[in-house]
Amino acid sequence: MMRALAVALAMMLAGAPARAETREILLPTRDGPPLRAVLALPEGEGPFPAIVALHGCGGLWTGAGRMRARETAWAKRFTDAGWAALFPDSFTARGHSSVCTLADRPILPQRERVRDAYDALIWLRAQPFVRPERVAAFGWSHGAMTTLWTVAASGPGRPESFDGDFATAVAFYPGCAEIGRTAFSARVPLLLQLGGDDAWTPPAPCVAMAEAARGGAEVAYDLYPGAVHGFDQPGGTVHEVTVRNSVYKSGEKTVKVGADPAARAQAVARAMDWLHRSLDR
């Protein structure tokens, strides 16, 4: 069944549209049901560089069923740059819309979501409208942690029989405490974008991890003073949210989340320049 679905999707998408287009697809997986995903294609005939874009713990969708504003804004940036973008939904097929308030999270960055990232990469590399050696991993928060685990030199989920890889990676405000204890190094160039006042995923472990990284590809970071979690949101005010996770000492904490226009502008420019360096060669 999964092979038939993959063939059908490949036939459906055999030619890239002349105009920019965004649509929902079903993403085949190696083990389990297909995932809902949003595919954004730029203008032109291709083949295009591509992005695997990994959502945060709040999931990909709003309560009204639309892709969240942050991901929508980034999808436009990617397609305006001439890149395809695939946003896999790691939660819906597993019975969740969000995991931010679950103390015991059933979907983990280093487990299910790494598999999802590779399933997205494998699918994109098989599409005629994608340049298979020019696919980047890009994530926010929970998805940014997935990005780190995915490109780690000793990452847990890379298929043994798969000889492809991501070309580069960008991670916005990941939590680095756990992966930072693994003597982290990256297989591909990795950029971290960190909020200086982020209390949800504090930047200090990420800075320490990046500065200690040895023996792999470049690991760079930028720290934006005063910026809190979600600083690249396209709008809205900074507000407080209560989140739960069994890794917190008290099981939950209240943190600030929201846009910082100055930090967003700098981070967008930095991330896009980083991607251009690897994807447009």
C-alpha atoms as a PDB file:
ATOM      1  CA  MET A   1       0.000   0.000   0.000  1.00  0.00           C
ATOM      2  CA  MET A   2       2.756   2.451   0.923  1.00  0.00           C
ATOM      3  CA  ARG A   3       4.599   1.692  -2.329  1.00  0.00           C
ATOM      4  CA  ALA A   4       1.425   2.380  -4.306  1.00  0.00           C
ATOM      5  CA  LEU A   5       0.918   5.661  -2.430  1.00  0.00           C
ATOM      6  CA  ALA A   6       4.496   6.710  -3.111  1.00  0.00           C
ATOM      7  CA  VAL A   7       4.138   5.921  -6.827  1.00  0.00           C
ATOM      8  CA  ALA A   8       0.846   7.822  -7.028  1.00  0.00           C
ATOM      9  CA  LEU A   9       2.323  10.869  -5.353  1.00  0.00           C
ATOM     10  CA  ALA A  10       5.376  10.781  -7.587  1.00  0.00           C
ATOM     11  CA  MET A  11       3.151  10.690 -10.673  1.00  0.00           C
ATOM     12  CA  MET A  12       0.993  13.505  -9.350  1.00  0.00           C
ATOM     13  CA  LEU A  13       4.027  15.677  -8.709  1.00  0.00           C
ATOM     14  CA  ALA A  14       6.061  14.655 -11.750  1.00  0.00           C
ATOM     15  CA  GLY A  15       6.199  18.228 -13.008  1.00  0.00           C
ATOM     16  CA  ALA A  16       6.636  21.339 -10.871  1.00  0.00           C
ATOM     17  CA  PRO A  17       4.062  24.085 -11.528  1.00  0.00           C
ATOM     18  CA  ALA A  18       5.037  27.223 -13.408  1.00  0.00           C
ATOM     19  CA  ARG A  19       3.465  29.290 -10.615  1.00  0.00           C
ATOM     20  CA  ALA A  20       4.199  29.096  -6.905  1.00  0.00           C
ATOM     21  CA  GLU A  21       1.893  26.585  -5.234  1.00  0.00           C
ATOM     22  CA  THR A  22       1.203  25.275  -1.726  1.00  0.00           C
ATOM     23  CA  ARG A  23      -0.833  22.148  -1.058  1.00  0.00           C
ATOM     24  CA  GLU A  24      -1.328  19.403   1.480  1.00  0.00           C
ATOM     25  CA  ILE A  25      -0.037  15.913   0.653  1.00  0.00           C
ATOM     26  CA  LEU A  26       0.338  12.562   2.368  1.00  0.00           C
ATOM     27  CA  LEU A  27       3.982  11.792   3.064  1.00  0.00           C
ATOM     28  CA  PRO A  28       4.860   8.078   2.839  1.00  0.00           C
ATOM     29  CA  THR A  29       6.818   6.680   5.790  1.00  0.00           C
ATOM     30  CA  ARG A  30       9.026   3.615   6.122  1.00  0.00           C
ATOM     31  CA  ASP A  31       7.147   2.305   9.138  1.00  0.00           C
ATOM     32  CA  GLY A  32       3.617   3.353   9.941  1.00  0.00           C
ATOM     33  CA  PRO A  33       0.836   5.431   8.395  1.00  0.00           C
ATOM     34  CA  PRO A  34       1.597   8.329   6.067  1.00  0.00           C
ATOM     35  CA  LEU A  35       1.976  11.774   7.592  1.00  0.00           C
ATOM     36  CA  ARG A  36       0.027  14.859   6.662  1.00  0.00           C
ATOM     37  CA  ALA A  37       2.406  17.410   5.191  1.00  0.00           C
ATOM     38  CA  VAL A  38       2.365  20.751   3.442  1.00  0.00           C
ATOM     39  CA  LEU A  39       4.371  21.057   0.247  1.00  0.00           C
ATOM     40  CA  ALA A  40       5.277  24.547  -0.998  1.00  0.00           C
ATOM     41  CA  LEU A  41       6.736  24.917  -4.475  1.00  0.00           C
ATOM     42  CA  PRO A  42       8.282  28.033  -6.039  1.00  0.00           C
ATOM     43  CA  GLU A  43       7.698  29.403  -9.509  1.00  0.00           C
ATOM     44  CA  GLY A  44       9.530  27.712 -12.334  1.00  0.00           C
ATOM     45  CA  GLU A  45      10.163  24.253 -13.682  1.00  0.00           C
ATOM     46  CA  GLY A  46      12.876  23.109 -11.270  1.00  0.00           C
ATOM     47  CA  PRO A  47      14.651  21.132 -10.134  1.00  0.00           C
ATOM     48  CA  PHE A  48      14.844  23.181  -6.938  1.00  0.00           C
ATOM     49  CA  PRO A  49      16.826  23.015  -3.714  1.00  0.00           C
ATOM     50  CA  ALA A  50      14.484  22.057  -0.887  1.00  0.00           C
ATOM     51  CA  ILE A  51      13.848  22.442   2.836  1.00  0.00           C
ATOM     52  CA  VAL A  52      12.508  19.903   5.328  1.00  0.00           C
ATOM     53  CA  ALA A  53      10.797  22.234   7.833  1.00  0.00           C
ATOM     54  CA  LEU A  54      10.067  20.790  11.289  1.00  0.00           C
ATOM     55  CA  HIS A  55       7.357  22.388  13.443  1.00  0.00           C
ATOM     56  CA  GLY A  56       7.455  23.033  17.191  1.00  0.00           C
ATOM     57  CA  CYS A  57       5.692  21.285  20.076  1.00  0.00           C
ATOM     58  CA  GLY A  58       2.454  23.142  19.263  1.00  0.00           C
ATOM     59  CA  GLY A  59       2.113  21.232  16.015  1.00  0.00           C
ATOM     60  CA  LEU A  60       1.729  22.404  12.441  1.00  0.00           C
ATOM     61  CA  TRP A  61      -1.916  23.528  12.502  1.00  0.00           C
ATOM     62  CA  THR A  62      -4.013  26.221  14.150  1.00  0.00           C
ATOM     63  CA  GLY A  63      -7.323  25.341  15.765  1.00  0.00           C
ATOM     64  CA  ALA A  64      -8.971  26.404  12.496  1.00  0.00           C
ATOM     65  CA  GLY A  65      -6.923  23.848  10.564  1.00  0.00           C
ATOM     66  CA  ARG A  66      -4.553  26.278   8.835  1.00  0.00           C
ATOM     67  CA  MET A  67      -0.783  26.046   8.888  1.00  0.00           C
ATOM     68  CA  ARG A  68       0.578  28.224  11.685  1.00  0.00           C
ATOM     69  CA  ALA A  69       1.633  31.785  10.914  1.00  0.00           C
ATOM     70  CA  ARG A  70       5.332  31.227  11.637  1.00  0.00           C
ATOM     71  CA  GLU A  71       5.578  28.277   9.264  1.00  0.00           C
ATOM     72  CA  THR A  72       3.465  30.066   6.657  1.00  0.00           C
ATOM     73  CA  ALA A  73       5.766  33.100   6.741  1.00  0.00           C
ATOM     74  CA  TRP A  74       8.837  30.905   6.352  1.00  0.00           C
ATOM     75  CA  ALA A  75       7.231  28.922   3.519  1.00  0.00           C
ATOM     76  CA  LYS A  76       6.902  32.162   1.554  1.00  0.00           C
ATOM     77  CA  ARG A  77      10.517  33.090   2.266  1.00  0.00           C
ATOM     78  CA  PHE A  78      11.664  29.697   1.048  1.00  0.00           C
ATOM     79  CA  THR A  79       9.628  29.737  -2.150  1.00  0.00           C
ATOM     80  CA  ASP A  80      10.544  33.377  -2.863  1.00  0.00           C
ATOM     81  CA  ALA A  81      14.180  32.212  -2.729  1.00  0.00           C
ATOM     82  CA  GLY A  82      13.431  29.525  -5.316  1.00  0.00           C
ATOM     83  CA  TRP A  83      13.337  26.570  -2.936  1.00  0.00           C
ATOM     84  CA  ALA A  84      10.723  23.904  -2.399  1.00  0.00           C
ATOM     85  CA  ALA A  85       9.679  23.295   1.217  1.00  0.00           C
ATOM     86  CA  LEU A  86       8.080  20.276   2.879  1.00  0.00           C
ATOM     87  CA  PHE A  87       6.458  20.654   6.316  1.00  0.00           C
ATOM     88  CA  PRO A  88       5.742  17.162   7.750  1.00  0.00           C
ATOM     89  CA  ASP A  89       3.147  16.983  10.520  1.00  0.00           C
ATOM     90  CA  SER A  90       4.628  14.658  13.144  1.00  0.00           C
ATOM     91  CA  PHE A  91       1.627  14.748  15.485  1.00  0.00           C
ATOM     92  CA  THR A  92      -1.755  14.245  13.782  1.00  0.00           C
ATOM     93  CA  ALA A  93      -1.118  10.698  12.538  1.00  0.00           C
ATOM     94  CA  ARG A  94      -0.040   9.801  16.096  1.00  0.00           C
ATOM     95  CA  GLY A  95      -3.187  11.143  17.703  1.00  0.00           C
ATOM     96  CA  HIS A  96      -1.992  14.536  18.947  1.00  0.00           C
ATOM     97  CA  SER A  97      -2.304  18.143  17.848  1.00  0.00           C
ATOM     98  CA  SER A  98       0.235  19.486  20.376  1.00  0.00           C
ATOM     99  CA  VAL A  99       2.571  18.119  23.053  1.00  0.00           C
ATOM    100  CA  CYS A 100       3.566  21.372  24.780  1.00  0.00           C
ATOM    101  CA  THR A 101       1.474  20.683  27.883  1.00  0.00           C
ATOM    102  CA  LEU A 102       2.137  16.930  28.143  1.00  0.00           C
ATOM    103  CA  ALA A 103       4.504  16.082  30.987  1.00  0.00           C
ATOM    104  CA  ASP A 104       5.316  12.688  29.466  1.00  0.00           C
ATOM    105  CA  ARG A 105       5.692  13.422  25.805  1.00  0.00           C
ATOM    106  CA  PRO A 106       4.896  10.466  23.541  1.00  0.00           C
ATOM    107  CA  ILE A 107       6.573  11.973  20.461  1.00  0.00           C
ATOM    108  CA  LEU A 108      10.247  12.809  20.931  1.00  0.00           C
ATOM    109  CA  PRO A 109      12.704  14.839  18.845  1.00  0.00           C
ATOM    110  CA  GLN A 110      15.344  12.109  19.024  1.00  0.00           C
ATOM    111  CA  ARG A 111      12.979   9.261  18.257  1.00  0.00           C
ATOM    112  CA  GLU A 112       9.829   9.577  16.103  1.00  0.00           C
ATOM    113  CA  ARG A 113      10.691  12.961  14.684  1.00  0.00           C
ATOM    114  CA  VAL A 114      14.158  12.010  13.462  1.00  0.00           C
ATOM    115  CA  ARG A 115      12.487   9.239  11.476  1.00  0.00           C
ATOM    116  CA  ASP A 116      10.026  11.778  10.091  1.00  0.00           C
ATOM    117  CA  ALA A 117      12.863  14.083   9.031  1.00  0.00           C
ATOM    118  CA  TYR A 118      14.560  11.284   7.119  1.00  0.00           C
ATOM    119  CA  ASP A 119      11.290  10.091   5.579  1.00  0.00           C
ATOM    120  CA  ALA A 120      10.778  13.646   4.309  1.00  0.00           C
ATOM    121  CA  LEU A 121      14.332  13.766   2.957  1.00  0.00           C
ATOM    122  CA  ILE A 122      14.007  10.382   1.241  1.00  0.00           C
ATOM    123  CA  TRP A 123      10.739  11.435  -0.379  1.00  0.00           C
ATOM    124  CA  LEU A 124      12.063  14.796  -1.549  1.00  0.00           C
ATOM    125  CA  ARG A 125      15.207  13.261  -3.040  1.00  0.00           C
ATOM    126  CA  ALA A 126      12.999  10.969  -5.153  1.00  0.00           C
ATOM    127  CA  GLN A 127      11.028  13.854  -6.685  1.00  0.00           C
ATOM    128  CA  PRO A 128      12.037  15.093 -10.150  1.00  0.00           C
ATOM    129  CA  PHE A 129      11.487  18.716  -9.105  1.00  0.00           C
ATOM    130  CA  VAL A 130      14.114  18.525  -6.306  1.00  0.00           C
ATOM    131  CA  ARG A 131      17.888  18.766  -6.461  1.00  0.00           C
ATOM    132  CA  PRO A 132      18.612  15.710  -4.296  1.00  0.00           C
ATOM    133  CA  GLU A 133      21.985  16.887  -2.981  1.00  0.00           C
ATOM    134  CA  ARG A 134      20.604  20.297  -1.977  1.00  0.00           C
ATOM    135  CA  VAL A 135      18.071  19.616   0.794  1.00  0.00           C
ATOM    136  CA  ALA A 136      18.316  21.430   4.139  1.00  0.00           C
ATOM    137  CA  ALA A 137      16.878  20.599   7.561  1.00  0.00           C
ATOM    138  CA  PHE A 138      15.203  23.528   9.334  1.00  0.00           C
ATOM    139  CA  GLY A 139      13.371  23.451  12.650  1.00  0.00           C
ATOM    140  CA  TRP A 140      11.847  25.471  15.460  1.00  0.00           C
ATOM    141  CA  SER A 141      11.991  24.520  19.165  1.00  0.00           C
ATOM    142  CA  HIS A 142      10.863  20.854  19.357  1.00  0.00           C
ATOM    143  CA  GLY A 143      11.582  20.622  15.627  1.00  0.00           C
ATOM    144  CA  ALA A 144      14.912  22.379  16.119  1.00  0.00           C
ATOM    145  CA  MET A 145      15.884  19.695  18.622  1.00  0.00           C
ATOM    146  CA  THR A 146      14.895  17.169  15.968  1.00  0.00           C
ATOM    147  CA  THR A 147      17.193  19.000  13.568  1.00  0.00           C
ATOM    148  CA  LEU A 148      20.121  18.663  15.975  1.00  0.00           C
ATOM    149  CA  TRP A 149      19.546  14.940  16.547  1.00  0.00           C
ATOM    150  CA  THR A 150      19.081  14.412  12.809  1.00  0.00           C
ATOM    151  CA  VAL A 151      22.414  15.937  11.767  1.00  0.00           C
ATOM    152  CA  ALA A 152      24.435  14.785  14.785  1.00  0.00           C
ATOM    153  CA  ALA A 153      27.476  12.743  13.807  1.00  0.00           C
ATOM    154  CA  SER A 154      26.226   9.966  16.085  1.00  0.00           C
ATOM    155  CA  GLY A 155      22.538  10.604  15.429  1.00  0.00           C
ATOM    156  CA  PRO A 156      20.020   7.916  16.403  1.00  0.00           C
ATOM    157  CA  GLY A 157      17.805   7.618  13.356  1.00  0.00           C
ATOM    158  CA  ARG A 158      19.709   7.749  10.073  1.00  0.00           C
ATOM    159  CA  PRO A 159      18.679   4.735   7.965  1.00  0.00           C
ATOM    160  CA  GLU A 160      21.574   2.313   7.629  1.00  0.00           C
ATOM    161  CA  SER A 161      20.889   1.646   3.956  1.00  0.00           C
ATOM    162  CA  PHE A 162      20.460   5.324   3.066  1.00  0.00           C
ATOM    163  CA  ASP A 163      23.514   6.987   1.530  1.00  0.00           C
ATOM    164  CA  GLY A 164      22.041  10.469   1.119  1.00  0.00           C
ATOM    165  CA  ASP A 165      22.159  13.317   3.612  1.00  0.00           C
ATOM    166  CA  PHE A 166      21.079  16.852   4.266  1.00  0.00           C
ATOM    167  CA  ALA A 167      23.246  19.597   2.798  1.00  0.00           C
ATOM    168  CA  THR A 168      22.966  21.969   5.764  1.00  0.00           C
ATOM    169  CA  ALA A 169      20.771  22.705   8.784  1.00  0.00           C
ATOM    170  CA  VAL A 170      19.268  25.625  10.720  1.00  0.00           C
ATOM    171  CA  ALA A 171      17.775  25.345  14.218  1.00  0.00           C
ATOM    172  CA  PHE A 172      15.762  28.157  15.848  1.00  0.00           C
ATOM    173  CA  TYR A 173      15.788  28.097  19.683  1.00  0.00           C
ATOM    174  CA  PRO A 174      16.337  24.375  20.291  1.00  0.00           C
ATOM    175  CA  GLY A 175      16.700  22.825  23.711  1.00  0.00           C
ATOM    176  CA  CYS A 176      20.308  21.651  23.903  1.00  0.00           C
ATOM    177  CA  ALA A 177      20.649  20.347  27.462  1.00  0.00           C
ATOM    178  CA  GLU A 178      20.250  16.660  26.582  1.00  0.00           C
ATOM    179  CA  ILE A 179      22.045  16.527  23.259  1.00  0.00           C
ATOM    180  CA  GLY A 180      24.773  18.776  24.650  1.00  0.00           C
ATOM    181  CA  ARG A 181      25.803  15.916  26.939  1.00  0.00           C
ATOM    182  CA  THR A 182      26.655  13.690  23.952  1.00  0.00           C
ATOM    183  CA  ALA A 183      29.967  15.256  22.820  1.00  0.00           C
ATOM    184  CA  PHE A 184      28.009  16.718  19.918  1.00  0.00           C
ATOM    185  CA  SER A 185      29.444  17.207  16.455  1.00  0.00           C
ATOM    186  CA  ALA A 186      27.553  17.774  13.213  1.00  0.00           C
ATOM    187  CA  ARG A 187      27.788  15.930   9.903  1.00  0.00           C
ATOM    188  CA  VAL A 188      26.673  19.010   7.950  1.00  0.00           C
ATOM    189  CA  PRO A 189      27.025  22.771   8.549  1.00  0.00           C
ATOM    190  CA  LEU A 190      24.667  23.803  11.336  1.00  0.00           C
ATOM    191  CA  LEU A 191      23.432  27.255  12.387  1.00  0.00           C
ATOM    192  CA  LEU A 192      21.711  27.919  15.721  1.00  0.00           C
ATOM    193  CA  GLN A 193      19.529  31.008  16.247  1.00  0.00           C
ATOM    194  CA  LEU A 194      19.026  31.680  19.961  1.00  0.00           C
ATOM    195  CA  GLY A 195      17.031  34.104  22.091  1.00  0.00           C
ATOM    196  CA  GLY A 196      19.113  35.700  24.820  1.00  0.00           C
ATOM    197  CA  ASP A 197      16.160  35.814  27.262  1.00  0.00           C
ATOM    198  CA  ASP A 198      14.610  32.490  26.248  1.00  0.00           C
ATOM    199  CA  ALA A 199      13.536  30.757  29.481  1.00  0.00           C
ATOM    200  CA  TRP A 200      11.806  27.867  27.722  1.00  0.00           C
ATOM    201  CA  THR A 201      14.882  26.580  25.890  1.00  0.00           C
ATOM    202  CA  PRO A 202      17.709  28.565  27.512  1.00  0.00           C
ATOM    203  CA  PRO A 203      20.551  29.419  25.142  1.00  0.00           C
ATOM    204  CA  ALA A 204      23.485  28.647  27.458  1.00  0.00           C
ATOM    205  CA  PRO A 205      23.570  24.864  26.778  1.00  0.00           C
ATOM    206  CA  CYS A 206      23.407  25.541  23.035  1.00  0.00           C
ATOM    207  CA  VAL A 207      26.270  28.040  23.190  1.00  0.00           C
ATOM    208  CA  ALA A 208      28.353  25.571  25.200  1.00  0.00           C
ATOM    209  CA  MET A 209      27.520  22.755  22.775  1.00  0.00           C
ATOM    210  CA  ALA A 210      28.418  24.816  19.711  1.00  0.00           C
ATOM    211  CA  GLU A 211      31.679  26.044  21.180  1.00  0.00           C
ATOM    212  CA  ALA A 212      32.675  22.519  22.242  1.00  0.00           C
ATOM    213  CA  ALA A 213      31.789  20.883  18.904  1.00  0.00           C
ATOM    214  CA  ARG A 214      34.865  19.248  17.402  1.00  0.00           C
ATOM    215  CA  GLY A 215      35.729  16.980  14.531  1.00  0.00           C
ATOM    216  CA  GLY A 216      32.710  17.602  12.318  1.00  0.00           C
ATOM    217  CA  ALA A 217      31.185  20.274  10.129  1.00  0.00           C
ATOM    218  CA  GLU A 218      30.910  23.931  11.125  1.00  0.00           C
ATOM    219  CA  VAL A 219      28.559  24.703  14.021  1.00  0.00           C
ATOM    220  CA  ALA A 220      27.737  28.416  14.331  1.00  0.00           C
ATOM    221  CA  TYR A 221      25.325  30.348  16.497  1.00  0.00           C
ATOM    222  CA  ASP A 222      23.849  33.814  16.923  1.00  0.00           C
ATOM    223  CA  LEU A 223      22.465  35.083  20.225  1.00  0.00           C
ATOM    224  CA  TYR A 224      19.873  37.863  20.201  1.00  0.00           C
ATOM    225  CA  PRO A 225      19.861  39.791  23.513  1.00  0.00           C
ATOM    226  CA  GLY A 226      16.408  40.335  24.971  1.00  0.00           C
ATOM    227  CA  ALA A 227      14.682  37.946  22.571  1.00  0.00           C
ATOM    228  CA  VAL A 228      12.414  35.267  24.041  1.00  0.00           C
ATOM    229  CA  HIS A 229      11.173  31.951  22.691  1.00  0.00           C
ATOM    230  CA  GLY A 230       9.475  32.243  19.301  1.00  0.00           C
ATOM    231  CA  PHE A 231      11.133  35.560  18.494  1.00  0.00           C
ATOM    232  CA  ASP A 232      10.757  34.985  14.733  1.00  0.00           C
ATOM    233  CA  GLN A 233       6.952  34.907  14.909  1.00  0.00           C
ATOM    234  CA  PRO A 234       5.546  37.205  12.196  1.00  0.00           C
ATOM    235  CA  GLY A 235       3.370  39.129  14.659  1.00  0.00           C
ATOM    236  CA  GLY A 236       1.697  39.231  18.033  1.00  0.00           C
ATOM    237  CA  THR A 237       2.824  40.385  21.441  1.00  0.00           C
ATOM    238  CA  VAL A 238       5.098  38.730  23.972  1.00  0.00           C
ATOM    239  CA  HIS A 239       2.953  36.759  26.413  1.00  0.00           C
ATOM    240  CA  GLU A 240       3.285  34.096  29.081  1.00  0.00           C
ATOM    241  CA  VAL A 241       2.464  30.422  28.611  1.00  0.00           C
ATOM    242  CA  THR A 242       2.668  27.487  31.000  1.00  0.00           C
ATOM    243  CA  VAL A 243       4.356  24.412  29.556  1.00  0.00           C
ATOM    244  CA  ARG A 244       4.882  20.949  30.987  1.00  0.00           C
ATOM    245  CA  ASN A 245       7.608  18.405  30.527  1.00  0.00           C
ATOM    246  CA  SER A 246       8.851  15.672  32.835  1.00  0.00           C
ATOM    247  CA  VAL A 247      12.427  16.904  32.336  1.00  0.00           C
ATOM    248  CA  TYR A 248      11.629  20.131  34.252  1.00  0.00           C
ATOM    249  CA  LYS A 249      12.411  20.031  37.965  1.00  0.00           C
ATOM    250  CA  SER A 250       8.866  21.035  38.937  1.00  0.00           C
ATOM    251  CA  GLY A 251       7.216  19.394  35.938  1.00  0.00           C
ATOM    252  CA  GLU A 252       6.057  22.709  34.516  1.00  0.00           C
ATOM    253  CA  LYS A 253       7.150  26.292  34.096  1.00  0.00           C
ATOM    254  CA  THR A 254       5.750  29.604  32.932  1.00  0.00           C
ATOM    255  CA  VAL A 255       7.748  31.280  30.185  1.00  0.00           C
ATOM    256  CA  LYS A 256       7.510  34.233  27.844  1.00  0.00           C
ATOM    257  CA  VAL A 257       6.905  33.647  24.140  1.00  0.00           C
ATOM    258  CA  GLY A 258       6.554  36.082  21.281  1.00  0.00           C
ATOM    259  CA  ALA A 259       7.898  38.125  18.431  1.00  0.00           C
ATOM    260  CA  ASP A 260      10.901  40.420  18.573  1.00  0.00           C
ATOM    261  CA  PRO A 261      10.895  42.357  15.270  1.00  0.00           C
ATOM    262  CA  ALA A 262      14.545  43.420  15.463  1.00  0.00           C
ATOM    263  CA  ALA A 263      15.789  39.924  16.332  1.00  0.00           C
ATOM    264  CA  ARG A 264      13.485  38.407  13.718  1.00  0.00           C
ATOM    265  CA  ALA A 265      14.867  40.641  10.967  1.00  0.00           C
ATOM    266  CA  GLN A 266      18.447  39.794  11.856  1.00  0.00           C
ATOM    267  CA  ALA A 267      17.781  36.077  12.262  1.00  0.00           C
ATOM    268  CA  VAL A 268      15.835  35.792   9.011  1.00  0.00           C
ATOM    269  CA  ALA A 269      18.652  37.474   7.091  1.00  0.00           C
ATOM    270  CA  ARG A 270      21.262  35.300   8.787  1.00  0.00           C
ATOM    271  CA  ALA A 271      19.380  32.046   8.236  1.00  0.00           C
ATOM    272  CA  MET A 272      18.588  32.795   4.607  1.00  0.00           C
ATOM    273  CA  ASP A 273      22.206  33.724   3.895  1.00  0.00           C
ATOM    274  CA  TRP A 274      23.321  30.461   5.562  1.00  0.00           C
ATOM    275  CA  LEU A 275      20.942  28.449   3.390  1.00  0.00           C
ATOM    276  CA  HIS A 276      21.951  30.247   0.203  1.00  0.00           C
ATOM    277  CA  ARG A 277      25.581  29.298   0.856  1.00  0.00           C
ATOM    278  CA  SER A 278      24.787  25.577   0.690  1.00  0.00           C
ATOM    279  CA  LEU A 279      21.681  25.322  -1.473  1.00  0.00           C
ATOM    280  CA  ASP A 280      22.446  27.637  -4.390  1.00  0.00           C
ATOM    281  CA  ARG A 281      25.831  26.256  -5.371  1.00  0.00           C
END
